[in-house]
């Protein structure tokens, strides 16, 4: 099993944050299917103020690169991602167009 921790910020606006959370209470079935098809077995998103933390557990053959390629060719995923940009903002130091940033493991018990 592989495990990933990623971060992203939301635009610091209570109304937009509420809308973003509402979307994530009812994620489109096609999005769930694409997540599972990539080898992700568990995904959780946590929020503190406007900072998001995503924890992913995936099969040993999961690849972020393969997931990105599959997402690029999936029109529904692209529509979802475009919608989410209304609420999201890149972390400082991100390249243009980058969203979620992978965190480095510095401790594990």
N, C-alpha and C. Protein backbone atom coordinates (compact mmCIF):
# COMPACT_ATOMS: atom_id res chain seq x y z
N UNK A 1 0.84 -1.18 0.00
CA UNK A 1 0.00 0.00 0.00
C UNK A 1 0.88 1.25 0.00
N UNK A 2 0.48 2.24 -0.78
CA UNK A 2 1.16 3.53 -0.82
C UNK A 2 0.27 4.55 -0.11
N UNK A 3 0.92 5.55 0.46
CA UNK A 3 0.18 6.61 1.15
C UNK A 3 0.76 7.95 0.76
N UNK A 4 -0.13 8.92 0.50
CA UNK A 4 0.28 10.24 0.08
C UNK A 4 -0.44 11.29 0.92
N UNK A 5 0.23 12.41 1.14
CA UNK A 5 -0.35 13.54 1.85
C UNK A 5 -0.14 14.77 0.96
N UNK A 6 -1.22 15.46 0.64
CA UNK A 6 -1.15 16.61 -0.25
C UNK A 6 -1.84 17.81 0.39
N UNK A 7 -1.43 19.01 -0.05
CA UNK A 7 -2.01 20.24 0.48
C UNK A 7 -2.44 21.17 -0.64
N UNK A 8 -3.43 21.99 -0.34
CA UNK A 8 -3.96 22.99 -1.25
C UNK A 8 -4.70 24.03 -0.41
N UNK A 9 -4.76 25.25 -0.88
CA UNK A 9 -5.53 26.28 -0.19
C UNK A 9 -6.82 26.57 -0.94
N UNK A 10 -7.84 26.95 -0.18
CA UNK A 10 -9.06 27.48 -0.76
C UNK A 10 -8.99 29.00 -0.71
N UNK A 11 -9.75 29.65 -1.56
CA UNK A 11 -9.90 31.09 -1.46
C UNK A 11 -10.57 31.37 -0.13
N UNK A 12 -10.02 32.31 0.60
CA UNK A 12 -10.47 32.56 1.98
C UNK A 12 -11.76 33.39 2.00
N UNK A 13 -12.84 32.73 1.64
CA UNK A 13 -14.15 33.35 1.57
C UNK A 13 -15.16 32.33 2.12
N UNK A 14 -15.81 32.64 3.24
CA UNK A 14 -16.72 31.66 3.87
C UNK A 14 -17.79 31.09 2.94
N UNK A 15 -18.35 31.92 2.06
CA UNK A 15 -19.38 31.43 1.14
C UNK A 15 -18.80 30.44 0.14
N UNK A 16 -17.63 30.75 -0.41
CA UNK A 16 -17.00 29.85 -1.36
C UNK A 16 -16.58 28.55 -0.68
N UNK A 17 -16.08 28.65 0.53
CA UNK A 17 -15.68 27.44 1.27
C UNK A 17 -16.89 26.56 1.53
N UNK A 18 -18.02 27.17 1.87
CA UNK A 18 -19.26 26.39 2.10
C UNK A 18 -19.70 25.70 0.81
N UNK A 19 -19.61 26.40 -0.33
CA UNK A 19 -19.97 25.78 -1.61
C UNK A 19 -19.05 24.61 -1.92
N UNK A 20 -17.75 24.80 -1.69
CA UNK A 20 -16.77 23.75 -1.95
C UNK A 20 -17.08 22.51 -1.12
N UNK A 21 -17.36 22.72 0.16
CA UNK A 21 -17.71 21.59 1.02
C UNK A 21 -18.99 20.91 0.56
N UNK A 22 -19.95 21.68 0.11
CA UNK A 22 -21.21 21.09 -0.38
C UNK A 22 -20.95 20.19 -1.58
N UNK A 23 -20.10 20.63 -2.51
CA UNK A 23 -19.75 19.78 -3.65
C UNK A 23 -19.13 18.47 -3.17
N UNK A 24 -18.33 18.54 -2.13
CA UNK A 24 -17.63 17.34 -1.66
C UNK A 24 -18.50 16.44 -0.77
N UNK A 25 -19.70 16.89 -0.46
CA UNK A 25 -20.67 16.03 0.21
C UNK A 25 -21.45 15.21 -0.81
N UNK A 26 -21.33 15.61 -2.08
CA UNK A 26 -22.07 14.94 -3.15
C UNK A 26 -21.21 14.90 -4.42
N UNK A 27 -20.06 14.25 -4.31
CA UNK A 27 -19.13 14.17 -5.45
C UNK A 27 -19.77 13.36 -6.56
N UNK A 28 -19.59 13.85 -7.79
CA UNK A 28 -20.16 13.15 -8.94
C UNK A 28 -19.70 11.70 -8.99
N UNK A 29 -20.59 10.77 -9.32
CA UNK A 29 -20.23 9.36 -9.40
C UNK A 29 -19.06 9.08 -10.35
N UNK A 30 -18.99 9.82 -11.46
CA UNK A 30 -17.90 9.62 -12.43
C UNK A 30 -16.55 9.98 -11.82
N UNK A 31 -16.54 10.94 -10.92
CA UNK A 31 -15.30 11.33 -10.25
C UNK A 31 -14.87 10.23 -9.29
N UNK A 32 -15.82 9.71 -8.54
CA UNK A 32 -15.53 8.59 -7.63
C UNK A 32 -15.00 7.40 -8.42
N UNK A 33 -15.63 7.09 -9.54
CA UNK A 33 -15.19 5.98 -10.40
C UNK A 33 -13.76 6.18 -10.88
N UNK A 34 -13.43 7.40 -11.30
CA UNK A 34 -12.08 7.66 -11.81
C UNK A 34 -11.03 7.53 -10.70
N UNK A 35 -11.40 7.94 -9.51
CA UNK A 35 -10.49 7.82 -8.36
C UNK A 35 -10.21 6.35 -8.08
N UNK A 36 -11.27 5.57 -7.98
CA UNK A 36 -11.12 4.14 -7.68
C UNK A 36 -10.38 3.40 -8.80
N UNK A 37 -10.69 3.74 -10.04
CA UNK A 37 -10.06 3.07 -11.19
C UNK A 37 -8.55 3.29 -11.23
N UNK A 38 -8.08 4.38 -10.63
CA UNK A 38 -6.65 4.69 -10.64
C UNK A 38 -5.86 3.85 -9.65
N UNK A 39 -6.56 3.18 -8.73
CA UNK A 39 -5.88 2.40 -7.69
C UNK A 39 -5.95 3.04 -6.32
N UNK A 40 -6.64 4.16 -6.21
CA UNK A 40 -6.82 4.79 -4.90
C UNK A 40 -7.90 4.01 -4.16
N UNK A 41 -7.56 3.56 -2.96
CA UNK A 41 -8.49 2.76 -2.16
C UNK A 41 -9.16 3.57 -1.06
N UNK A 42 -8.53 4.68 -0.67
CA UNK A 42 -9.09 5.53 0.37
C UNK A 42 -8.59 6.95 0.14
N UNK A 43 -9.51 7.90 0.25
CA UNK A 43 -9.14 9.31 0.11
C UNK A 43 -9.95 10.11 1.12
N UNK A 44 -9.25 10.96 1.85
CA UNK A 44 -9.90 11.85 2.80
C UNK A 44 -9.36 13.25 2.59
N UNK A 45 -10.24 14.24 2.72
CA UNK A 45 -9.82 15.64 2.66
C UNK A 45 -10.22 16.29 3.97
N UNK A 46 -9.25 16.93 4.60
CA UNK A 46 -9.47 17.65 5.84
C UNK A 46 -9.30 19.14 5.57
N UNK A 47 -10.03 19.97 6.33
CA UNK A 47 -9.90 21.41 6.17
C UNK A 47 -9.60 22.07 7.51
N UNK A 48 -8.65 22.99 7.51
CA UNK A 48 -8.40 23.87 8.64
C UNK A 48 -8.39 25.29 8.07
N UNK A 49 -9.37 26.09 8.47
CA UNK A 49 -9.57 27.41 7.87
C UNK A 49 -9.66 27.24 6.35
N UNK A 50 -8.73 27.83 5.59
CA UNK A 50 -8.81 27.67 4.14
C UNK A 50 -7.75 26.70 3.60
N UNK A 51 -7.04 26.00 4.48
CA UNK A 51 -6.02 25.02 4.07
C UNK A 51 -6.64 23.63 4.02
N UNK A 52 -6.41 22.93 2.91
CA UNK A 52 -6.89 21.56 2.74
C UNK A 52 -5.73 20.59 2.84
N UNK A 53 -6.01 19.43 3.40
CA UNK A 53 -5.06 18.33 3.49
C UNK A 53 -5.76 17.08 2.96
N UNK A 54 -5.18 16.47 1.93
CA UNK A 54 -5.73 15.25 1.36
C UNK A 54 -4.82 14.09 1.70
N UNK A 55 -5.41 13.02 2.23
CA UNK A 55 -4.68 11.79 2.53
C UNK A 55 -5.19 10.74 1.56
N UNK A 56 -4.27 10.12 0.84
CA UNK A 56 -4.60 9.09 -0.15
C UNK A 56 -3.91 7.79 0.25
N UNK A 57 -4.66 6.70 0.21
CA UNK A 57 -4.09 5.36 0.30
C UNK A 57 -4.37 4.68 -1.03
N UNK A 58 -3.35 4.01 -1.57
CA UNK A 58 -3.49 3.44 -2.91
C UNK A 58 -2.77 2.10 -2.99
N UNK A 59 -3.11 1.36 -4.03
CA UNK A 59 -2.47 0.07 -4.29
C UNK A 59 -0.99 0.28 -4.63
N UNK A 60 -0.22 -0.78 -4.52
CA UNK A 60 1.22 -0.69 -4.79
C UNK A 60 1.53 -0.29 -6.23
N UNK A 61 0.62 -0.57 -7.16
CA UNK A 61 0.88 -0.22 -8.55
C UNK A 61 0.34 1.17 -8.93
N UNK A 62 -0.19 1.91 -7.97
CA UNK A 62 -0.69 3.26 -8.22
C UNK A 62 0.45 4.19 -8.61
N UNK A 63 0.16 5.10 -9.53
CA UNK A 63 1.14 6.09 -9.97
C UNK A 63 0.45 7.44 -10.13
N UNK A 64 1.01 8.47 -9.52
CA UNK A 64 0.47 9.83 -9.69
C UNK A 64 0.51 10.23 -11.16
N UNK A 65 1.56 9.83 -11.86
CA UNK A 65 1.69 10.18 -13.27
C UNK A 65 0.59 9.52 -14.11
N UNK A 66 0.32 8.23 -13.85
CA UNK A 66 -0.74 7.54 -14.58
C UNK A 66 -2.10 8.14 -14.26
N UNK A 67 -2.31 8.51 -13.01
CA UNK A 67 -3.58 9.14 -12.61
C UNK A 67 -3.74 10.46 -13.36
N UNK A 68 -2.68 11.26 -13.42
CA UNK A 68 -2.73 12.54 -14.13
C UNK A 68 -3.04 12.35 -15.61
N UNK A 69 -2.42 11.34 -16.23
CA UNK A 69 -2.68 11.05 -17.65
C UNK A 69 -4.13 10.65 -17.87
N UNK A 70 -4.65 9.79 -17.00
CA UNK A 70 -6.04 9.36 -17.12
C UNK A 70 -6.99 10.55 -16.93
N UNK A 71 -6.67 11.42 -15.99
CA UNK A 71 -7.50 12.60 -15.74
C UNK A 71 -7.51 13.55 -16.93
N UNK A 72 -6.37 13.69 -17.58
CA UNK A 72 -6.26 14.58 -18.75
C UNK A 72 -7.20 14.15 -19.87
N UNK A 73 -7.42 12.85 -20.01
CA UNK A 73 -8.24 12.36 -21.11
C UNK A 73 -9.70 12.10 -20.69
N UNK A 74 -10.05 12.47 -19.48
CA UNK A 74 -11.41 12.25 -18.97
C UNK A 74 -12.14 13.60 -18.92
N UNK A 75 -13.08 13.81 -19.83
CA UNK A 75 -13.79 15.09 -19.93
C UNK A 75 -14.53 15.46 -18.64
N UNK A 76 -15.10 14.47 -17.98
CA UNK A 76 -15.84 14.75 -16.75
C UNK A 76 -14.90 15.20 -15.64
N UNK A 77 -13.75 14.55 -15.52
CA UNK A 77 -12.76 14.97 -14.52
C UNK A 77 -12.29 16.38 -14.84
N UNK A 78 -12.04 16.68 -16.09
CA UNK A 78 -11.60 18.03 -16.47
C UNK A 78 -12.66 19.08 -16.13
N UNK A 79 -13.93 18.75 -16.35
CA UNK A 79 -15.01 19.68 -16.00
C UNK A 79 -15.04 19.92 -14.49
N UNK A 80 -14.93 18.84 -13.71
CA UNK A 80 -14.91 18.94 -12.25
C UNK A 80 -13.73 19.81 -11.80
N UNK A 81 -12.56 19.55 -12.33
CA UNK A 81 -11.37 20.30 -11.93
C UNK A 81 -11.51 21.78 -12.27
N UNK A 82 -12.07 22.09 -13.42
CA UNK A 82 -12.30 23.50 -13.80
C UNK A 82 -13.26 24.16 -12.81
N UNK A 83 -14.31 23.45 -12.44
CA UNK A 83 -15.27 23.99 -11.46
C UNK A 83 -14.58 24.25 -10.12
N UNK A 84 -13.71 23.35 -9.71
CA UNK A 84 -13.06 23.48 -8.40
C UNK A 84 -12.09 24.65 -8.34
N UNK A 85 -11.55 25.07 -9.49
CA UNK A 85 -10.63 26.22 -9.50
C UNK A 85 -11.33 27.49 -9.00
N UNK A 86 -12.64 27.55 -9.08
CA UNK A 86 -13.38 28.71 -8.55
C UNK A 86 -13.12 28.87 -7.05
N UNK A 87 -12.85 27.76 -6.38
CA UNK A 87 -12.71 27.75 -4.92
C UNK A 87 -11.26 27.63 -4.46
N UNK A 88 -10.40 27.12 -5.31
CA UNK A 88 -9.04 26.77 -4.92
C UNK A 88 -8.05 27.85 -5.34
N UNK A 89 -6.95 27.90 -4.58
CA UNK A 89 -5.82 28.74 -4.98
C UNK A 89 -4.55 27.96 -4.70
N UNK A 90 -3.61 28.14 -5.57
CA UNK A 90 -2.35 27.40 -5.45
C UNK A 90 -1.58 27.84 -4.21
N UNK A 91 -0.84 26.90 -3.66
CA UNK A 91 0.04 27.22 -2.54
C UNK A 91 1.20 28.09 -3.02
N UNK A 92 1.75 28.92 -2.12
CA UNK A 92 2.93 29.69 -2.50
C UNK A 92 4.03 28.76 -3.02
N UNK A 93 4.69 29.17 -4.09
CA UNK A 93 5.76 28.36 -4.67
C UNK A 93 5.30 27.36 -5.71
N UNK A 94 3.98 27.25 -5.92
CA UNK A 94 3.46 26.34 -6.94
C UNK A 94 3.71 26.91 -8.33
N UNK A 95 3.87 26.01 -9.28
CA UNK A 95 4.00 26.43 -10.68
C UNK A 95 2.61 26.77 -11.22
N UNK A 96 2.53 27.58 -12.28
CA UNK A 96 1.21 27.91 -12.85
C UNK A 96 0.42 26.65 -13.19
N UNK A 97 -0.84 26.64 -12.77
CA UNK A 97 -1.72 25.51 -13.04
C UNK A 97 -1.62 24.36 -12.06
N UNK A 98 -0.62 24.37 -11.17
CA UNK A 98 -0.49 23.30 -10.19
C UNK A 98 -1.50 23.50 -9.07
N UNK A 99 -2.07 22.39 -8.65
CA UNK A 99 -3.01 22.42 -7.54
C UNK A 99 -2.40 21.76 -6.31
N UNK A 100 -2.83 20.56 -6.05
CA UNK A 100 -2.40 19.84 -4.86
C UNK A 100 -0.89 19.63 -4.86
N UNK A 101 -0.26 19.90 -3.72
CA UNK A 101 1.18 19.75 -3.57
C UNK A 101 1.47 18.58 -2.63
N UNK A 102 2.32 17.68 -3.08
CA UNK A 102 2.70 16.50 -2.33
C UNK A 102 3.62 16.88 -1.17
N UNK A 103 3.29 16.40 0.02
CA UNK A 103 4.12 16.67 1.20
C UNK A 103 5.17 15.60 1.36
N UNK A 104 6.28 15.98 1.95
CA UNK A 104 7.39 15.07 2.23
C UNK A 104 7.18 14.46 3.61
N UNK A 105 7.35 13.16 3.71
CA UNK A 105 7.27 12.48 5.01
C UNK A 105 8.55 12.80 5.79
N UNK A 106 8.39 13.35 6.99
CA UNK A 106 9.56 13.63 7.82
C UNK A 106 9.56 12.83 9.11
N UNK A 107 8.44 12.14 9.41
CA UNK A 107 8.37 11.29 10.59
C UNK A 107 7.29 10.25 10.38
N UNK A 108 7.54 9.05 10.85
CA UNK A 108 6.54 7.99 10.78
C UNK A 108 6.73 7.06 11.98
N UNK A 109 5.65 6.73 12.66
CA UNK A 109 5.70 5.85 13.83
C UNK A 109 5.03 4.54 13.49
